[in-house]
Amino acid sequence: MTHGTTRRSLLLLGGAALASTVAGCNRAGNSTAANWMEPGGKVPGTKPSPSPSPSPSPVGDPVHVSLLNGDGDVRGVGMPIIAFFNAKLTDAKAFNAATKITANGSPVQGNWYFEETAREGAAMEAHWRPETYWPAHAKIHMDLPVKGVSAGTGLYFDDSLTLDMSTGTAYIGTIDASTLRMTVTADGAQFGTFPVSLGATNTPTSRGVKVIMEKGLDIPMRGPGYYDPHVQFTQRLTYGGEYLHSAPWNVANIGHRSSSNGCTNLLPADAQRLYNTFEIGDVFTYPNANGPAMTIGMGYGDWNVPWSEWQTGGALQI
C-alpha cells in the first residue's frame, strides 16, 4: 500500500518562500518572507510525522505449509484440497478462519479437517472440502494468508499460499455388488454401465465413497499369491491397493462373480475407455460391497465423514 504524505505541499511551500525571499532582497525593508520557514525547512507549528512501527516478528517455532494440489490442476468434483505441515499444530482455529475459497468467484463454505499423515517429511495433514461435491466446470481459488499466524502456543506459520485449480465434468460412478455393474453419470446424465468383478470373500472390497487418487497406464501389482509386472489402465482408490483396472485374466468372472483381490476388475476395452475418461478426484460409491467401511485415512475418504463431524475439524478443533 502507498501511504500519502505532505512532502509535495511542503516542497511547493518552500519554493514559494524562496521566491519571496529573493524578491525581498531587492525591496528594501521587506523581510516578511524570511519568517515563513523555521531553520531546517519546517513550517511553524507543525510536527514531524511519526515513523510507522515495524510489525513484531513472530516468536516460536515455524510451521511450514505445503499443498498436494497445484495451480492449473483439473480435477474431479470429489477432490479435496490437501495441506501438509512439517510440524504438528496445536491450534487450528486461526488457520481455518484465514482460509478463503471461491468457485467461479462466489464464496464456498467449508472447513479443514485435521488428521495424522503417512506422508514422508510431514507431521500432520488437513483436508478442505465443502458440504457437497464441488460444482462441475468451475474455477476454484484459495487464499491462505497465514504467514505469521499462530499455529498454537510457541508455533507460527512461516508461509502464505494461494491455489488456482478447476473441476471438469462431474463423473460419478456407483458400483452395485449385487448386480456387479458400475453405472456412471456425467454431469448428471447417463454415461454408461460396465460389468465388474469385486473382491472375493477373503479379499473384500471396502464399501463407501472413494475418489481416484492417481492413475497409472502400466504398473506392477503384488498381492496374496501373485505378482503381475504389467497391470494396465489403473486408477487408484485407496492407499491399501484398491484400483479400477483392466483384468484380462478374469474376463470369465467379470459381471458374474466377485473373485478379485479387492480391486474393481474391468473388461480391457472398458478399462481403457474409462482410463481415458476419468480424472483424479472423480467419485465412486460402493454402497453394498463386502468389505469394511471406507474411512478418511484409507484414501481420499473425506466424503464418508458426516458433515456434522467434519465441521468439528477432526484431530484439532476449529
C-alpha atoms as a PDB file:
ATOM      1  CA  MET A   1       0.000   0.000   0.000  1.00  0.00           C
ATOM      2  CA  THR A   2       1.275   3.523  -0.808  1.00  0.00           C
ATOM      3  CA  HIS A   3       0.884   5.972   2.042  1.00  0.00           C
ATOM      4  CA  GLY A   4       0.131   9.679   1.271  1.00  0.00           C
ATOM      5  CA  THR A   5       2.400  12.376   2.768  1.00  0.00           C
ATOM      6  CA  THR A   6       2.634  16.202   2.850  1.00  0.00           C
ATOM      7  CA  ARG A   7       6.076  16.124   1.227  1.00  0.00           C
ATOM      8  CA  ARG A   8       4.863  17.669  -2.071  1.00  0.00           C
ATOM      9  CA  SER A   9       2.959  20.512  -0.348  1.00  0.00           C
ATOM     10  CA  LEU A  10       5.977  21.306   1.800  1.00  0.00           C
ATOM     11  CA  LEU A  11       8.185  21.478  -1.296  1.00  0.00           C
ATOM     12  CA  LEU A  12       5.715  23.822  -3.016  1.00  0.00           C
ATOM     13  CA  LEU A  13       5.506  25.981   0.096  1.00  0.00           C
ATOM     14  CA  GLY A  14       9.270  26.045   0.389  1.00  0.00           C
ATOM     15  CA  GLY A  15       9.579  27.121  -3.266  1.00  0.00           C
ATOM     16  CA  ALA A  16       7.154  29.979  -2.702  1.00  0.00           C
ATOM     17  CA  ALA A  17       9.057  31.100   0.375  1.00  0.00           C
ATOM     18  CA  LEU A  18      12.362  31.032  -1.536  1.00  0.00           C
ATOM     19  CA  ALA A  19      10.887  33.142  -4.342  1.00  0.00           C
ATOM     20  CA  SER A  20       9.538  35.687  -1.817  1.00  0.00           C
ATOM     21  CA  THR A  21      12.894  35.840  -0.052  1.00  0.00           C
ATOM     22  CA  VAL A  22      14.794  36.559  -3.303  1.00  0.00           C
ATOM     23  CA  ALA A  23      12.261  39.223  -4.256  1.00  0.00           C
ATOM     24  CA  GLY A  24      12.552  40.732  -0.793  1.00  0.00           C
ATOM     25  CA  CYS A  25      16.310  41.171  -1.250  1.00  0.00           C
ATOM     26  CA  ASN A  26      15.535  43.657  -3.992  1.00  0.00           C
ATOM     27  CA  ARG A  27      12.970  45.622  -1.928  1.00  0.00           C
ATOM     28  CA  ALA A  28      14.420  47.404   0.977  1.00  0.00           C
ATOM     29  CA  GLY A  29      12.648  46.850   4.279  1.00  0.00           C
ATOM     30  CA  ASN A  30      10.589  43.776   3.109  1.00  0.00           C
ATOM     31  CA  SER A  31      11.633  40.893   5.346  1.00  0.00           C
ATOM     32  CA  THR A  32       8.328  39.117   5.955  1.00  0.00           C
ATOM     33  CA  ALA A  33       9.206  36.143   3.728  1.00  0.00           C
ATOM     34  CA  ALA A  34      12.116  35.220   5.976  1.00  0.00           C
ATOM     35  CA  ASN A  35       9.661  34.313   8.745  1.00  0.00           C
ATOM     36  CA  TRP A  36       7.762  31.727   6.693  1.00  0.00           C
ATOM     37  CA  MET A  37      10.184  28.839   7.405  1.00  0.00           C
ATOM     38  CA  GLU A  38      11.979  27.754  10.527  1.00  0.00           C
ATOM     39  CA  PRO A  39      15.561  26.511  10.405  1.00  0.00           C
ATOM     40  CA  GLY A  40      15.661  23.041   8.894  1.00  0.00           C
ATOM     41  CA  GLY A  41      12.789  23.824   6.474  1.00  0.00           C
ATOM     42  CA  LYS A  42       9.939  23.275   8.970  1.00  0.00           C
ATOM     43  CA  VAL A  43       6.642  25.108   8.763  1.00  0.00           C
ATOM     44  CA  PRO A  44       5.982  26.895  12.079  1.00  0.00           C
ATOM     45  CA  GLY A  45       3.620  24.977  14.331  1.00  0.00           C
ATOM     46  CA  THR A  46       3.931  21.614  12.502  1.00  0.00           C
ATOM     47  CA  LYS A  47       5.255  18.369  13.972  1.00  0.00           C
ATOM     48  CA  PRO A  48       7.153  15.695  12.039  1.00  0.00           C
ATOM     49  CA  SER A  49       5.069  12.635  11.114  1.00  0.00           C
ATOM     50  CA  PRO A  50       5.955   9.650  13.276  1.00  0.00           C
ATOM     51  CA  SER A  51       7.633   6.724  11.522  1.00  0.00           C
ATOM     52  CA  PRO A  52       5.452   3.581  11.366  1.00  0.00           C
ATOM     53  CA  SER A  53       6.426   0.957  13.909  1.00  0.00           C
ATOM     54  CA  PRO A  54       7.673  -2.286  12.359  1.00  0.00           C
ATOM     55  CA  SER A  55       5.466  -5.331  12.885  1.00  0.00           C
ATOM     56  CA  PRO A  56       6.815  -7.561  15.627  1.00  0.00           C
ATOM     57  CA  SER A  57       8.476 -10.745  14.405  1.00  0.00           C
ATOM     58  CA  PRO A  58       6.644 -13.969  15.288  1.00  0.00           C
ATOM     59  CA  VAL A  59       8.029 -15.717  18.332  1.00  0.00           C
ATOM     60  CA  GLY A  60       8.336 -19.503  18.470  1.00  0.00           C
ATOM     61  CA  ASP A  61       8.968 -22.381  16.107  1.00  0.00           C
ATOM     62  CA  PRO A  62       7.954 -22.092  12.450  1.00  0.00           C
ATOM     63  CA  VAL A  63       5.380 -24.407  10.860  1.00  0.00           C
ATOM     64  CA  HIS A  64       5.623 -24.734   7.077  1.00  0.00           C
ATOM     65  CA  VAL A  65       2.542 -25.437   4.959  1.00  0.00           C
ATOM     66  CA  SER A  66       2.583 -27.151   1.550  1.00  0.00           C
ATOM     67  CA  LEU A  67      -0.195 -28.349  -0.750  1.00  0.00           C
ATOM     68  CA  LEU A  68      -0.740 -31.577  -2.646  1.00  0.00           C
ATOM     69  CA  ASN A  69      -2.857 -29.666  -5.175  1.00  0.00           C
ATOM     70  CA  GLY A  70      -1.173 -27.472  -7.760  1.00  0.00           C
ATOM     71  CA  ASP A  71      -2.060 -24.448  -9.834  1.00  0.00           C
ATOM     72  CA  GLY A  72      -3.599 -25.485 -13.135  1.00  0.00           C
ATOM     73  CA  ASP A  73      -4.832 -28.866 -11.880  1.00  0.00           C
ATOM     74  CA  VAL A  74      -8.075 -30.080 -13.455  1.00  0.00           C
ATOM     75  CA  ARG A  75      -9.737 -32.462 -11.012  1.00  0.00           C
ATOM     76  CA  GLY A  76     -12.953 -34.326 -10.381  1.00  0.00           C
ATOM     77  CA  VAL A  77     -15.664 -32.846  -8.200  1.00  0.00           C
ATOM     78  CA  GLY A  78     -14.694 -35.019  -5.231  1.00  0.00           C
ATOM     79  CA  MET A  79     -11.087 -33.838  -4.947  1.00  0.00           C
ATOM     80  CA  PRO A  80     -10.284 -32.297  -1.547  1.00  0.00           C
ATOM     81  CA  ILE A  81      -7.681 -29.596  -1.065  1.00  0.00           C
ATOM     82  CA  ILE A  82      -4.905 -31.264   0.936  1.00  0.00           C
ATOM     83  CA  ALA A  83      -2.350 -29.420   3.065  1.00  0.00           C
ATOM     84  CA  PHE A  84       0.716 -30.870   4.770  1.00  0.00           C
ATOM     85  CA  PHE A  85       2.525 -29.443   7.811  1.00  0.00           C
ATOM     86  CA  ASN A  86       6.140 -30.105   8.749  1.00  0.00           C
ATOM     87  CA  ALA A  87       5.272 -29.873  12.454  1.00  0.00           C
ATOM     88  CA  LYS A  88       2.162 -30.707  14.433  1.00  0.00           C
ATOM     89  CA  LEU A  89      -0.191 -27.826  15.077  1.00  0.00           C
ATOM     90  CA  THR A  90      -1.792 -27.458  18.478  1.00  0.00           C
ATOM     91  CA  ASP A  91      -4.339 -24.809  17.488  1.00  0.00           C
ATOM     92  CA  ALA A  92      -6.026 -24.691  14.058  1.00  0.00           C
ATOM     93  CA  LYS A  93      -8.670 -22.033  14.657  1.00  0.00           C
ATOM     94  CA  ALA A  94      -6.744 -19.124  13.105  1.00  0.00           C
ATOM     95  CA  PHE A  95      -5.621 -21.274  10.160  1.00  0.00           C
ATOM     96  CA  ASN A  96      -9.181 -22.315   9.399  1.00  0.00           C
ATOM     97  CA  ALA A  97     -10.572 -18.794   9.805  1.00  0.00           C
ATOM     98  CA  ALA A  98      -7.961 -17.326   7.445  1.00  0.00           C
ATOM     99  CA  THR A  99      -8.839 -19.704   4.596  1.00  0.00           C
ATOM    100  CA  LYS A 100     -10.989 -18.146   1.866  1.00  0.00           C
ATOM    101  CA  ILE A 101     -12.205 -20.221  -1.100  1.00  0.00           C
ATOM    102  CA  THR A 102     -14.310 -19.295  -4.108  1.00  0.00           C
ATOM    103  CA  ALA A 103     -15.829 -21.231  -7.014  1.00  0.00           C
ATOM    104  CA  ASN A 104     -16.320 -19.118 -10.126  1.00  0.00           C
ATOM    105  CA  GLY A 105     -15.839 -16.069  -7.923  1.00  0.00           C
ATOM    106  CA  SER A 106     -18.518 -16.938  -5.367  1.00  0.00           C
ATOM    107  CA  PRO A 107     -17.577 -17.825  -1.767  1.00  0.00           C
ATOM    108  CA  VAL A 108     -17.702 -21.527  -0.875  1.00  0.00           C
ATOM    109  CA  GLN A 109     -18.487 -22.623   2.679  1.00  0.00           C
ATOM    110  CA  GLY A 110     -16.427 -25.465   4.102  1.00  0.00           C
ATOM    111  CA  ASN A 111     -13.595 -26.149   6.507  1.00  0.00           C
ATOM    112  CA  TRP A 112     -10.382 -28.035   7.189  1.00  0.00           C
ATOM    113  CA  TYR A 113     -10.344 -31.478   8.777  1.00  0.00           C
ATOM    114  CA  PHE A 114      -7.075 -32.402  10.503  1.00  0.00           C
ATOM    115  CA  GLU A 115      -5.628 -35.902  10.726  1.00  0.00           C
ATOM    116  CA  GLU A 116      -2.458 -37.922  11.095  1.00  0.00           C
ATOM    117  CA  THR A 117      -0.365 -38.434   7.979  1.00  0.00           C
ATOM    118  CA  ALA A 118       1.892 -41.069   6.476  1.00  0.00           C
ATOM    119  CA  ARG A 119       3.488 -38.620   4.044  1.00  0.00           C
ATOM    120  CA  GLU A 120       7.265 -38.542   4.333  1.00  0.00           C
ATOM    121  CA  GLY A 121       8.519 -35.289   5.833  1.00  0.00           C
ATOM    122  CA  ALA A 122       5.085 -34.269   7.141  1.00  0.00           C
ATOM    123  CA  ALA A 123       3.876 -34.369  10.735  1.00  0.00           C
ATOM    124  CA  MET A 124       0.184 -33.696  10.071  1.00  0.00           C
ATOM    125  CA  GLU A 125      -2.202 -33.141   7.189  1.00  0.00           C
ATOM    126  CA  ALA A 126      -5.539 -31.422   6.681  1.00  0.00           C
ATOM    127  CA  HIS A 127      -8.230 -31.720   4.005  1.00  0.00           C
ATOM    128  CA  TRP A 128     -10.590 -28.907   2.982  1.00  0.00           C
ATOM    129  CA  ARG A 129     -13.921 -29.652   1.351  1.00  0.00           C
ATOM    130  CA  PRO A 130     -17.397 -28.124   1.073  1.00  0.00           C
ATOM    131  CA  GLU A 131     -20.508 -29.875   2.345  1.00  0.00           C
ATOM    132  CA  THR A 132     -21.291 -31.348  -1.082  1.00  0.00           C
ATOM    133  CA  TYR A 133     -19.139 -32.016  -4.134  1.00  0.00           C
ATOM    134  CA  TRP A 134     -17.550 -29.083  -5.948  1.00  0.00           C
ATOM    135  CA  PRO A 135     -19.563 -27.678  -8.858  1.00  0.00           C
ATOM    136  CA  ALA A 136     -18.526 -29.090 -12.242  1.00  0.00           C
ATOM    137  CA  HIS A 137     -16.581 -26.952 -14.730  1.00  0.00           C
ATOM    138  CA  ALA A 138     -15.660 -24.442 -12.029  1.00  0.00           C
ATOM    139  CA  LYS A 139     -12.595 -22.319 -11.311  1.00  0.00           C
ATOM    140  CA  ILE A 140     -11.549 -22.853  -7.698  1.00  0.00           C
ATOM    141  CA  HIS A 141      -9.422 -20.225  -5.957  1.00  0.00           C
ATOM    142  CA  MET A 142      -8.000 -20.393  -2.447  1.00  0.00           C
ATOM    143  CA  ASP A 143      -6.318 -17.665  -0.402  1.00  0.00           C
ATOM    144  CA  LEU A 144      -4.397 -18.869   2.637  1.00  0.00           C
ATOM    145  CA  PRO A 145      -2.736 -15.764   4.173  1.00  0.00           C
ATOM    146  CA  VAL A 146      -1.345 -17.389   7.303  1.00  0.00           C
ATOM    147  CA  LYS A 147       2.276 -16.246   7.425  1.00  0.00           C
ATOM    148  CA  GLY A 148       2.933 -15.100  10.985  1.00  0.00           C
ATOM    149  CA  VAL A 149      -0.382 -16.516  12.237  1.00  0.00           C
ATOM    150  CA  SER A 150      -0.329 -18.631  15.390  1.00  0.00           C
ATOM    151  CA  ALA A 151      -0.345 -22.412  14.998  1.00  0.00           C
ATOM    152  CA  GLY A 152      -0.596 -22.864  18.758  1.00  0.00           C
ATOM    153  CA  THR A 153       1.467 -21.868  21.762  1.00  0.00           C
ATOM    154  CA  GLY A 154       5.074 -21.393  20.657  1.00  0.00           C
ATOM    155  CA  LEU A 155       4.238 -22.081  16.987  1.00  0.00           C
ATOM    156  CA  TYR A 156       3.570 -19.877  13.961  1.00  0.00           C
ATOM    157  CA  PHE A 157       3.112 -20.426  10.224  1.00  0.00           C
ATOM    158  CA  ASP A 158       6.047 -19.270   8.127  1.00  0.00           C
ATOM    159  CA  ASP A 159       4.351 -19.051   4.715  1.00  0.00           C
ATOM    160  CA  SER A 160       1.173 -17.991   2.938  1.00  0.00           C
ATOM    161  CA  LEU A 161      -0.265 -19.791  -0.083  1.00  0.00           C
ATOM    162  CA  THR A 162      -2.737 -19.413  -2.921  1.00  0.00           C
ATOM    163  CA  LEU A 163      -4.202 -22.074  -5.204  1.00  0.00           C
ATOM    164  CA  ASP A 164      -5.946 -21.918  -8.575  1.00  0.00           C
ATOM    165  CA  MET A 165      -7.348 -25.204  -9.842  1.00  0.00           C
ATOM    166  CA  SER A 166     -10.501 -26.204 -11.681  1.00  0.00           C
ATOM    167  CA  THR A 167     -13.023 -29.010 -11.931  1.00  0.00           C
ATOM    168  CA  GLY A 168     -14.040 -30.819 -15.086  1.00  0.00           C
ATOM    169  CA  THR A 169     -17.048 -32.993 -15.837  1.00  0.00           C
ATOM    170  CA  ALA A 170     -18.789 -34.383 -12.745  1.00  0.00           C
ATOM    171  CA  TYR A 171     -18.239 -38.119 -13.236  1.00  0.00           C
ATOM    172  CA  ILE A 172     -19.965 -40.171 -10.518  1.00  0.00           C
ATOM    173  CA  GLY A 173     -19.787 -43.954 -10.514  1.00  0.00           C
ATOM    174  CA  THR A 174     -21.959 -46.304  -8.473  1.00  0.00           C
ATOM    175  CA  ILE A 175     -20.821 -49.913  -8.155  1.00  0.00           C
ATOM    176  CA  ASP A 176     -23.528 -52.407  -7.194  1.00  0.00           C
ATOM    177  CA  ALA A 177     -22.071 -55.562  -5.642  1.00  0.00           C
ATOM    178  CA  SER A 178     -25.323 -57.477  -6.127  1.00  0.00           C
ATOM    179  CA  THR A 179     -25.558 -56.944  -9.902  1.00  0.00           C
ATOM    180  CA  LEU A 180     -21.797 -56.477 -10.481  1.00  0.00           C
ATOM    181  CA  ARG A 181     -22.454 -53.402 -12.585  1.00  0.00           C
ATOM    182  CA  MET A 182     -20.879 -49.957 -12.446  1.00  0.00           C
ATOM    183  CA  THR A 183     -23.224 -47.159 -13.533  1.00  0.00           C
ATOM    184  CA  VAL A 184     -21.576 -43.850 -14.425  1.00  0.00           C
ATOM    185  CA  THR A 185     -23.166 -40.429 -14.854  1.00  0.00           C
ATOM    186  CA  ALA A 186     -21.551 -37.345 -16.410  1.00  0.00           C
ATOM    187  CA  ASP A 187     -22.896 -34.004 -15.193  1.00  0.00           C
ATOM    188  CA  GLY A 188     -25.993 -35.880 -14.065  1.00  0.00           C
ATOM    189  CA  ALA A 189     -26.669 -37.605 -17.399  1.00  0.00           C
ATOM    190  CA  GLN A 190     -26.238 -41.307 -18.042  1.00  0.00           C
ATOM    191  CA  PHE A 191     -22.750 -42.073 -19.348  1.00  0.00           C
ATOM    192  CA  GLY A 192     -22.636 -45.873 -19.328  1.00  0.00           C
ATOM    193  CA  THR A 193     -22.943 -49.151 -17.460  1.00  0.00           C
ATOM    194  CA  PHE A 194     -19.985 -51.523 -17.160  1.00  0.00           C
ATOM    195  CA  PRO A 195     -19.660 -55.091 -15.779  1.00  0.00           C
ATOM    196  CA  VAL A 196     -17.192 -55.572 -12.908  1.00  0.00           C
ATOM    197  CA  SER A 197     -15.767 -58.180 -10.594  1.00  0.00           C
ATOM    198  CA  LEU A 198     -15.141 -57.130  -6.987  1.00  0.00           C
ATOM    199  CA  GLY A 199     -13.230 -58.635  -4.090  1.00  0.00           C
ATOM    200  CA  ALA A 200     -13.614 -62.281  -3.157  1.00  0.00           C
ATOM    201  CA  THR A 201     -14.801 -63.221   0.324  1.00  0.00           C
ATOM    202  CA  ASN A 202     -11.271 -63.475   1.737  1.00  0.00           C
ATOM    203  CA  THR A 203     -10.053 -60.317  -0.101  1.00  0.00           C
ATOM    204  CA  PRO A 204     -13.083 -57.996   0.101  1.00  0.00           C
ATOM    205  CA  THR A 205     -13.697 -54.578  -1.427  1.00  0.00           C
ATOM    206  CA  SER A 206     -14.302 -51.748   1.038  1.00  0.00           C
ATOM    207  CA  ARG A 207     -17.710 -50.082   0.988  1.00  0.00           C
ATOM    208  CA  GLY A 208     -18.413 -46.369   0.911  1.00  0.00           C
ATOM    209  CA  VAL A 209     -17.319 -43.383  -1.176  1.00  0.00           C
ATOM    210  CA  LYS A 210     -13.908 -43.407  -2.874  1.00  0.00           C
ATOM    211  CA  VAL A 211     -12.097 -40.877  -5.041  1.00  0.00           C
ATOM    212  CA  ILE A 212      -9.487 -41.529  -7.710  1.00  0.00           C
ATOM    213  CA  MET A 213      -6.110 -40.698  -6.158  1.00  0.00           C
ATOM    214  CA  GLU A 214      -3.703 -41.402  -9.015  1.00  0.00           C
ATOM    215  CA  LYS A 215      -3.558 -43.026 -12.435  1.00  0.00           C
ATOM    216  CA  GLY A 216      -1.094 -45.492 -13.940  1.00  0.00           C
ATOM    217  CA  LEU A 217      -1.076 -46.682 -17.537  1.00  0.00           C
ATOM    218  CA  ASP A 218       1.002 -49.791 -16.830  1.00  0.00           C
ATOM    219  CA  ILE A 219       2.170 -50.641 -13.308  1.00  0.00           C
ATOM    220  CA  PRO A 220       3.328 -53.706 -11.317  1.00  0.00           C
ATOM    221  CA  MET A 221       0.947 -55.170  -8.742  1.00  0.00           C
ATOM    222  CA  ARG A 222       1.608 -57.611  -5.960  1.00  0.00           C
ATOM    223  CA  GLY A 223      -0.956 -59.366  -3.771  1.00  0.00           C
ATOM    224  CA  PRO A 224      -1.666 -62.598  -1.916  1.00  0.00           C
ATOM    225  CA  GLY A 225      -0.084 -65.304  -4.053  1.00  0.00           C
ATOM    226  CA  TYR A 226       0.554 -63.242  -7.170  1.00  0.00           C
ATOM    227  CA  TYR A 227       2.786 -60.687  -8.852  1.00  0.00           C
ATOM    228  CA  ASP A 228       1.969 -59.038 -12.166  1.00  0.00           C
ATOM    229  CA  PRO A 229       4.513 -56.549 -13.564  1.00  0.00           C
ATOM    230  CA  HIS A 230       2.100 -55.127 -16.140  1.00  0.00           C
ATOM    231  CA  VAL A 231      -1.388 -54.249 -14.948  1.00  0.00           C
ATOM    232  CA  GLN A 232      -2.901 -51.712 -17.311  1.00  0.00           C
ATOM    233  CA  PHE A 233      -5.258 -48.729 -17.108  1.00  0.00           C
ATOM    234  CA  THR A 234      -5.066 -48.489 -13.321  1.00  0.00           C
ATOM    235  CA  GLN A 235      -6.851 -45.842 -11.241  1.00  0.00           C
ATOM    236  CA  ARG A 236      -6.075 -45.947  -7.520  1.00  0.00           C
ATOM    237  CA  LEU A 237      -8.913 -45.658  -4.991  1.00  0.00           C
ATOM    238  CA  THR A 238      -7.219 -46.488  -1.649  1.00  0.00           C
ATOM    239  CA  TYR A 239      -3.777 -46.408  -0.076  1.00  0.00           C
ATOM    240  CA  GLY A 240      -4.183 -50.119   0.626  1.00  0.00           C
ATOM    241  CA  GLY A 241      -4.240 -51.009  -3.061  1.00  0.00           C
ATOM    242  CA  GLU A 242      -7.788 -50.915  -4.405  1.00  0.00           C
ATOM    243  CA  TYR A 243      -7.882 -49.860  -8.057  1.00  0.00           C
ATOM    244  CA  LEU A 244     -10.104 -49.737 -11.075  1.00  0.00           C
ATOM    245  CA  HIS A 245      -8.093 -51.661 -13.684  1.00  0.00           C
ATOM    246  CA  SER A 246      -8.094 -53.923 -16.696  1.00  0.00           C
ATOM    247  CA  ALA A 247      -8.247 -57.654 -15.812  1.00  0.00           C
ATOM    248  CA  PRO A 248      -7.882 -59.753 -18.994  1.00  0.00           C
ATOM    249  CA  TRP A 249      -7.132 -62.825 -16.837  1.00  0.00           C
ATOM    250  CA  ASN A 250     -10.527 -62.527 -15.121  1.00  0.00           C
ATOM    251  CA  VAL A 251     -12.831 -61.933 -18.090  1.00  0.00           C
ATOM    252  CA  ALA A 252     -14.865 -65.073 -17.347  1.00  0.00           C
ATOM    253  CA  ASN A 253     -15.861 -63.704 -13.911  1.00  0.00           C
ATOM    254  CA  ILE A 254     -16.407 -60.043 -14.733  1.00  0.00           C
ATOM    255  CA  GLY A 255     -20.110 -59.285 -14.442  1.00  0.00           C
ATOM    256  CA  HIS A 256     -20.829 -62.752 -12.971  1.00  0.00           C
ATOM    257  CA  ARG A 257     -18.973 -63.249  -9.691  1.00  0.00           C
ATOM    258  CA  SER A 258     -16.577 -61.435  -7.362  1.00  0.00           C
ATOM    259  CA  SER A 259     -13.158 -63.041  -7.435  1.00  0.00           C
ATOM    260  CA  SER A 260     -10.609 -60.191  -7.283  1.00  0.00           C
ATOM    261  CA  ASN A 261      -8.141 -59.299  -4.570  1.00  0.00           C
ATOM    262  CA  GLY A 262     -10.263 -56.270  -3.659  1.00  0.00           C
ATOM    263  CA  CYS A 263      -9.877 -54.256  -6.847  1.00  0.00           C
ATOM    264  CA  THR A 264     -12.643 -53.412  -9.289  1.00  0.00           C
ATOM    265  CA  ASN A 265     -11.819 -55.600 -12.305  1.00  0.00           C
ATOM    266  CA  LEU A 266     -12.944 -54.286 -15.692  1.00  0.00           C
ATOM    267  CA  LEU A 267     -13.024 -55.720 -19.199  1.00  0.00           C
ATOM    268  CA  PRO A 268      -9.910 -54.471 -21.067  1.00  0.00           C
ATOM    269  CA  ALA A 269     -11.837 -52.281 -23.536  1.00  0.00           C
ATOM    270  CA  ASP A 270     -13.926 -50.747 -20.745  1.00  0.00           C
ATOM    271  CA  ALA A 271     -10.853 -50.161 -18.598  1.00  0.00           C
ATOM    272  CA  GLN A 272      -9.121 -48.316 -21.427  1.00  0.00           C
ATOM    273  CA  ARG A 273     -12.161 -46.171 -22.158  1.00  0.00           C
ATOM    274  CA  LEU A 274     -12.655 -45.232 -18.520  1.00  0.00           C
ATOM    275  CA  TYR A 275      -8.949 -44.576 -18.007  1.00  0.00           C
ATOM    276  CA  ASN A 276      -9.111 -42.054 -20.836  1.00  0.00           C
ATOM    277  CA  THR A 277     -12.293 -40.517 -19.396  1.00  0.00           C
ATOM    278  CA  PHE A 278     -11.846 -40.220 -15.635  1.00  0.00           C
ATOM    279  CA  GLU A 279      -9.637 -37.789 -13.756  1.00  0.00           C
ATOM    280  CA  ILE A 280      -8.087 -37.711 -10.307  1.00  0.00           C
ATOM    281  CA  GLY A 281     -10.874 -36.577  -7.986  1.00  0.00           C
ATOM    282  CA  ASP A 282     -13.721 -38.421  -9.724  1.00  0.00           C
ATOM    283  CA  VAL A 283     -16.101 -40.138  -7.324  1.00  0.00           C
ATOM    284  CA  PHE A 284     -17.135 -43.800  -6.931  1.00  0.00           C
ATOM    285  CA  THR A 285     -19.659 -45.126  -4.445  1.00  0.00           C
ATOM    286  CA  TYR A 286     -19.731 -48.739  -3.260  1.00  0.00           C
ATOM    287  CA  PRO A 287     -22.958 -48.918  -1.227  1.00  0.00           C
ATOM    288  CA  ASN A 288     -23.063 -52.684  -0.667  1.00  0.00           C
ATOM    289  CA  ALA A 289     -19.525 -54.020  -1.129  1.00  0.00           C
ATOM    290  CA  ASN A 290     -18.492 -56.926   1.100  1.00  0.00           C
ATOM    291  CA  GLY A 291     -15.612 -55.237   2.914  1.00  0.00           C
ATOM    292  CA  PRO A 292     -15.062 -52.809   5.800  1.00  0.00           C
ATOM    293  CA  ALA A 293     -16.411 -49.269   5.739  1.00  0.00           C
ATOM    294  CA  MET A 294     -14.236 -46.739   3.933  1.00  0.00           C
ATOM    295  CA  THR A 295     -12.615 -44.139   6.209  1.00  0.00           C
ATOM    296  CA  ILE A 296     -10.783 -40.903   5.516  1.00  0.00           C
ATOM    297  CA  GLY A 297      -7.423 -42.484   6.329  1.00  0.00           C
ATOM    298  CA  MET A 298      -7.869 -45.249   3.758  1.00  0.00           C
ATOM    299  CA  GLY A 299      -7.592 -42.784   0.867  1.00  0.00           C
ATOM    300  CA  TYR A 300      -9.385 -39.583  -0.045  1.00  0.00           C
ATOM    301  CA  GLY A 301     -12.250 -40.867   2.053  1.00  0.00           C
ATOM    302  CA  ASP A 302     -13.411 -37.392   3.039  1.00  0.00           C
ATOM    303  CA  TRP A 303     -16.973 -37.876   1.795  1.00  0.00           C
ATOM    304  CA  ASN A 304     -17.555 -40.723   4.232  1.00  0.00           C
ATOM    305  CA  VAL A 305     -17.287 -38.334   7.190  1.00  0.00           C
ATOM    306  CA  PRO A 306     -20.722 -36.920   8.134  1.00  0.00           C
ATOM    307  CA  TRP A 307     -20.871 -33.154   7.668  1.00  0.00           C
ATOM    308  CA  SER A 308     -21.660 -32.540  11.341  1.00  0.00           C
ATOM    309  CA  GLU A 309     -18.488 -34.410  12.282  1.00  0.00           C
ATOM    310  CA  TRP A 310     -16.466 -32.754   9.533  1.00  0.00           C
ATOM    311  CA  GLN A 311     -17.293 -29.345  10.952  1.00  0.00           C
ATOM    312  CA  THR A 312     -15.544 -30.198  14.224  1.00  0.00           C
ATOM    313  CA  GLY A 313     -12.155 -30.178  12.472  1.00  0.00           C
ATOM    314  CA  GLY A 314     -11.117 -33.742  13.258  1.00  0.00           C
ATOM    315  CA  ALA A 315      -7.907 -34.031  15.286  1.00  0.00           C
ATOM    316  CA  LEU A 316      -7.952 -30.277  16.035  1.00  0.00           C
ATOM    317  CA  GLN A 317     -10.952 -28.208  16.970  1.00  0.00           C
ATOM    318  CA  ILE A 318     -11.739 -25.321  14.656  1.00  0.00           C
END
